Amino acid sequence: MSQKDDLSKIEKKEKEWENKTLKDYIKEFPEREIVSELPKQRLYTPKNLGDFDYLRDLGFPGEYPYTRGKFPTMYRSRFWKARRCQQTPQIPHRSWR
């Protein structure tokens, strides 16, 4: 099967997805507005890639250019770190004395 055939199948499946799955979901959960200078699409597929080299542009997890995360196993072997911003209270709580 050629790449052109693959792209036409993907486009057909994307239209089905938009008309059924996405449409039903958006009725219940409307989309939020994305504030950005760059235009955003809802879904990116191989037709959006153009001259795409898998090894050069995407790579593997844990390796340069780190587009798939900095850890090879992502977070399967380690927990997400929940970092908190701590602020010093204006009036100290009496239990902290």
N, C-alpha and C. Protein backbone atom coordinates (compact mmCIF):
# COMPACT_ATOMS: atom_id res chain seq x y z
N MET A 1 0.84 -1.17 0.00
CA MET A 1 0.00 0.00 0.00
C MET A 1 0.89 1.25 0.00
N SER A 2 0.53 2.23 -0.79
CA SER A 2 1.36 3.43 -0.90
C SER A 2 1.03 4.43 0.21
N GLN A 3 1.91 5.39 0.35
CA GLN A 3 1.71 6.42 1.36
C GLN A 3 0.48 7.25 1.04
N LYS A 4 0.21 7.46 -0.25
CA LYS A 4 -0.96 8.23 -0.66
C LYS A 4 -2.25 7.52 -0.24
N ASP A 5 -2.28 6.19 -0.39
CA ASP A 5 -3.44 5.41 0.05
C ASP A 5 -3.60 5.49 1.56
N ASP A 6 -2.47 5.43 2.27
CA ASP A 6 -2.52 5.54 3.73
C ASP A 6 -3.09 6.88 4.15
N LEU A 7 -2.65 7.96 3.51
CA LEU A 7 -3.14 9.30 3.85
C LEU A 7 -4.62 9.44 3.57
N SER A 8 -5.10 8.86 2.48
CA SER A 8 -6.54 8.95 2.18
C SER A 8 -7.36 8.17 3.20
N LYS A 9 -6.84 7.02 3.66
CA LYS A 9 -7.53 6.27 4.71
C LYS A 9 -7.56 7.06 6.02
N ILE A 10 -6.45 7.70 6.34
CA ILE A 10 -6.37 8.49 7.56
C ILE A 10 -7.34 9.67 7.49
N GLU A 11 -7.41 10.34 6.34
CA GLU A 11 -8.34 11.47 6.17
C GLU A 11 -9.79 11.01 6.32
N LYS A 12 -10.12 9.87 5.75
CA LYS A 12 -11.47 9.32 5.85
C LYS A 12 -11.81 9.01 7.32
N LYS A 13 -10.88 8.36 8.00
CA LYS A 13 -11.08 8.01 9.40
C LYS A 13 -11.17 9.26 10.28
N GLU A 14 -10.40 10.30 9.94
CA GLU A 14 -10.45 11.55 10.69
C GLU A 14 -11.83 12.20 10.56
N LYS A 15 -12.40 12.19 9.36
CA LYS A 15 -13.74 12.76 9.16
C LYS A 15 -14.80 11.97 9.96
N GLU A 16 -14.67 10.65 9.96
CA GLU A 16 -15.59 9.82 10.76
C GLU A 16 -15.45 10.17 12.24
N TRP A 17 -14.22 10.32 12.70
CA TRP A 17 -13.94 10.66 14.10
C TRP A 17 -14.56 12.01 14.45
N GLU A 18 -14.39 13.02 13.57
CA GLU A 18 -14.96 14.34 13.82
C GLU A 18 -16.48 14.29 13.88
N ASN A 19 -17.10 13.54 12.98
CA ASN A 19 -18.57 13.51 12.90
C ASN A 19 -19.24 12.67 13.97
N LYS A 20 -18.55 11.73 14.53
CA LYS A 20 -19.17 10.89 15.54
C LYS A 20 -18.56 11.12 16.93
N THR A 21 -17.37 10.62 17.14
CA THR A 21 -16.75 10.65 18.47
C THR A 21 -16.58 12.07 18.99
N LEU A 22 -15.96 12.92 18.20
CA LEU A 22 -15.69 14.28 18.65
C LEU A 22 -16.97 15.08 18.84
N LYS A 23 -17.87 14.97 17.90
CA LYS A 23 -19.13 15.72 17.96
C LYS A 23 -19.92 15.38 19.21
N ASP A 24 -20.02 14.09 19.52
CA ASP A 24 -20.75 13.65 20.72
C ASP A 24 -20.07 14.14 21.99
N TYR A 25 -18.75 14.13 22.01
CA TYR A 25 -18.01 14.53 23.20
C TYR A 25 -18.12 16.04 23.44
N ILE A 26 -18.02 16.82 22.37
CA ILE A 26 -18.08 18.28 22.51
C ILE A 26 -19.46 18.74 22.98
N LYS A 27 -20.50 17.99 22.67
CA LYS A 27 -21.83 18.35 23.16
C LYS A 27 -21.85 18.36 24.68
N GLU A 28 -21.20 17.40 25.28
CA GLU A 28 -21.18 17.29 26.74
C GLU A 28 -20.08 18.14 27.37
N PHE A 29 -18.92 18.20 26.72
CA PHE A 29 -17.78 18.93 27.27
C PHE A 29 -17.26 19.91 26.21
N PRO A 30 -17.79 21.14 26.18
CA PRO A 30 -17.33 22.11 25.17
C PRO A 30 -15.84 22.42 25.32
N GLU A 31 -15.24 22.72 24.20
CA GLU A 31 -13.81 23.03 24.21
C GLU A 31 -13.55 24.40 24.81
N ARG A 32 -12.39 24.52 25.44
CA ARG A 32 -11.95 25.80 25.97
C ARG A 32 -11.24 26.57 24.87
N GLU A 33 -11.22 27.87 25.00
CA GLU A 33 -10.50 28.70 24.05
C GLU A 33 -9.01 28.60 24.32
N ILE A 34 -8.24 28.43 23.28
CA ILE A 34 -6.79 28.36 23.41
C ILE A 34 -6.23 29.72 23.03
N VAL A 35 -5.60 30.37 23.97
CA VAL A 35 -5.02 31.68 23.71
C VAL A 35 -3.56 31.49 23.33
N SER A 36 -3.27 31.71 22.07
CA SER A 36 -1.92 31.50 21.58
C SER A 36 -1.73 32.31 20.31
N GLU A 37 -0.49 32.72 20.08
CA GLU A 37 -0.18 33.42 18.85
C GLU A 37 -0.10 32.44 17.68
N LEU A 38 0.22 31.20 17.98
CA LEU A 38 0.33 30.18 16.95
C LEU A 38 -1.01 29.52 16.71
N PRO A 39 -1.36 29.28 15.46
CA PRO A 39 -2.62 28.57 15.20
C PRO A 39 -2.51 27.11 15.66
N LYS A 40 -3.55 26.62 16.28
CA LYS A 40 -3.55 25.24 16.78
C LYS A 40 -4.65 24.45 16.08
N GLN A 41 -4.33 23.21 15.80
CA GLN A 41 -5.34 22.30 15.27
C GLN A 41 -5.74 21.34 16.37
N ARG A 42 -6.90 20.79 16.22
CA ARG A 42 -7.40 19.86 17.23
C ARG A 42 -6.65 18.53 17.18
N LEU A 43 -6.26 18.11 15.99
CA LEU A 43 -5.62 16.81 15.80
C LEU A 43 -4.56 16.93 14.71
N TYR A 44 -3.41 16.38 14.98
CA TYR A 44 -2.34 16.35 13.98
C TYR A 44 -2.14 14.92 13.51
N THR A 45 -2.07 14.73 12.21
CA THR A 45 -1.91 13.42 11.60
C THR A 45 -0.71 13.46 10.66
N PRO A 46 -0.35 12.34 10.04
CA PRO A 46 0.79 12.33 9.12
C PRO A 46 0.66 13.33 7.97
N LYS A 47 -0.55 13.73 7.61
CA LYS A 47 -0.69 14.71 6.53
C LYS A 47 -0.15 16.08 6.93
N ASN A 48 0.00 16.34 8.23
CA ASN A 48 0.54 17.61 8.70
C ASN A 48 2.06 17.61 8.78
N LEU A 49 2.69 16.48 8.57
CA LEU A 49 4.12 16.38 8.80
C LEU A 49 4.99 16.90 7.67
N GLY A 50 4.54 16.76 6.45
CA GLY A 50 5.37 17.22 5.32
C GLY A 50 6.66 16.45 5.25
N ASP A 51 7.80 17.15 5.23
CA ASP A 51 9.12 16.53 5.16
C ASP A 51 9.55 16.15 6.57
N PHE A 52 9.10 15.02 7.03
CA PHE A 52 9.32 14.59 8.41
C PHE A 52 10.27 13.42 8.43
N ASP A 53 11.34 13.55 9.19
CA ASP A 53 12.31 12.47 9.39
C ASP A 53 12.16 12.01 10.84
N TYR A 54 11.71 10.80 11.03
CA TYR A 54 11.43 10.28 12.37
C TYR A 54 12.63 10.44 13.30
N LEU A 55 13.79 10.00 12.87
CA LEU A 55 14.96 10.04 13.75
C LEU A 55 15.45 11.46 14.00
N ARG A 56 15.41 12.29 13.01
CA ARG A 56 15.89 13.66 13.16
C ARG A 56 14.89 14.53 13.94
N ASP A 57 13.62 14.41 13.64
CA ASP A 57 12.62 15.33 14.17
C ASP A 57 11.92 14.84 15.44
N LEU A 58 11.79 13.56 15.62
CA LEU A 58 11.08 13.05 16.79
C LEU A 58 12.00 12.30 17.74
N GLY A 59 12.70 11.33 17.23
CA GLY A 59 13.65 10.59 18.07
C GLY A 59 12.96 9.64 19.04
N PHE A 60 13.74 9.19 20.01
CA PHE A 60 13.26 8.24 21.00
C PHE A 60 13.24 8.90 22.38
N PRO A 61 12.39 8.39 23.29
CA PRO A 61 12.34 8.96 24.63
C PRO A 61 13.70 8.86 25.33
N GLY A 62 14.10 9.93 26.00
CA GLY A 62 15.36 9.94 26.73
C GLY A 62 16.57 10.32 25.90
N GLU A 63 16.37 10.63 24.63
CA GLU A 63 17.47 11.01 23.76
C GLU A 63 17.15 12.34 23.08
N TYR A 64 18.22 13.04 22.69
CA TYR A 64 18.07 14.30 21.99
C TYR A 64 17.19 14.11 20.77
N PRO A 65 16.28 14.95 20.45
CA PRO A 65 15.97 16.30 20.93
C PRO A 65 14.94 16.34 22.06
N TYR A 66 14.73 15.27 22.78
CA TYR A 66 13.86 15.19 23.96
C TYR A 66 12.42 15.60 23.68
N THR A 67 11.94 15.38 22.47
CA THR A 67 10.55 15.71 22.15
C THR A 67 9.58 14.72 22.78
N ARG A 68 10.09 13.57 23.20
CA ARG A 68 9.22 12.55 23.80
C ARG A 68 9.54 12.36 25.28
N GLY A 69 10.15 13.36 25.89
CA GLY A 69 10.45 13.30 27.31
C GLY A 69 11.91 13.04 27.59
N LYS A 70 12.32 13.37 28.81
CA LYS A 70 13.73 13.21 29.14
C LYS A 70 14.08 11.86 29.74
N PHE A 71 13.08 11.05 30.06
CA PHE A 71 13.33 9.72 30.61
C PHE A 71 12.97 8.65 29.58
N PRO A 72 13.82 7.62 29.40
CA PRO A 72 13.54 6.58 28.42
C PRO A 72 12.24 5.84 28.66
N THR A 73 11.87 5.65 29.91
CA THR A 73 10.62 4.93 30.21
C THR A 73 9.50 5.89 30.58
N MET A 74 9.75 7.17 30.35
CA MET A 74 8.81 8.24 30.73
C MET A 74 8.54 8.11 32.22
N TYR A 75 7.32 8.01 32.64
CA TYR A 75 7.05 7.92 34.07
C TYR A 75 6.53 6.54 34.46
N ARG A 76 6.90 5.52 33.72
CA ARG A 76 6.50 4.16 34.08
C ARG A 76 7.34 3.62 35.22
N SER A 77 8.57 4.14 35.36
CA SER A 77 9.45 3.63 36.40
C SER A 77 9.66 4.63 37.53
N ARG A 78 9.08 5.80 37.41
CA ARG A 78 9.21 6.79 38.47
C ARG A 78 7.94 7.61 38.55
N PHE A 79 7.69 8.14 39.71
CA PHE A 79 6.48 8.92 39.92
C PHE A 79 6.63 10.33 39.38
N TRP A 80 5.51 10.92 39.04
CA TRP A 80 5.50 12.34 38.69
C TRP A 80 5.90 13.12 39.92
N LYS A 81 6.64 14.17 39.71
CA LYS A 81 7.01 15.02 40.83
C LYS A 81 6.01 16.16 40.90
N ALA A 82 5.38 16.29 42.04
CA ALA A 82 4.45 17.38 42.25
C ALA A 82 5.20 18.46 43.01
N ARG A 83 5.63 19.46 42.31
CA ARG A 83 6.37 20.54 42.95
C ARG A 83 5.38 21.64 43.32
N ARG A 84 5.54 22.12 44.51
CA ARG A 84 4.62 23.13 45.00
C ARG A 84 5.33 24.46 45.17
N CYS A 85 4.61 25.48 44.92
CA CYS A 85 5.13 26.82 45.20
C CYS A 85 4.73 27.15 46.62
N GLN A 86 5.70 27.38 47.46
CA GLN A 86 5.41 27.69 48.85
C GLN A 86 5.57 29.18 49.07
N GLN A 87 4.59 29.73 49.73
CA GLN A 87 4.65 31.14 50.05
C GLN A 87 4.71 31.29 51.56
N THR A 88 5.44 32.28 51.98
CA THR A 88 5.51 32.57 53.41
C THR A 88 4.26 33.34 53.79
N PRO A 89 3.53 32.86 54.75
CA PRO A 89 2.29 33.56 55.13
C PRO A 89 2.60 34.91 55.76
N GLN A 90 1.69 35.83 55.60
CA GLN A 90 1.85 37.17 56.18
C GLN A 90 1.81 37.10 57.70
N ILE A 91 0.83 36.34 58.20
CA ILE A 91 0.70 36.16 59.64
C ILE A 91 0.95 34.69 59.94
N PRO A 92 1.98 34.37 60.69
CA PRO A 92 2.26 32.95 60.96
C PRO A 92 1.12 32.30 61.74
N HIS A 93 0.83 31.08 61.34
CA HIS A 93 -0.20 30.32 62.04
C HIS A 93 0.34 29.94 63.41
N ARG A 94 -0.51 29.92 64.42
CA ARG A 94 -0.02 29.67 65.78
C ARG A 94 0.56 28.27 65.96
N SER A 95 0.17 27.32 65.12
CA SER A 95 0.74 25.98 65.26
C SER A 95 2.17 25.91 64.71
N TRP A 96 2.60 26.93 64.01
CA TRP A 96 3.94 26.95 63.45
C TRP A 96 4.96 27.56 64.41
N ARG A 97 4.53 28.07 65.53
CA ARG A 97 5.44 28.72 66.50
C ARG A 97 6.14 27.73 67.37
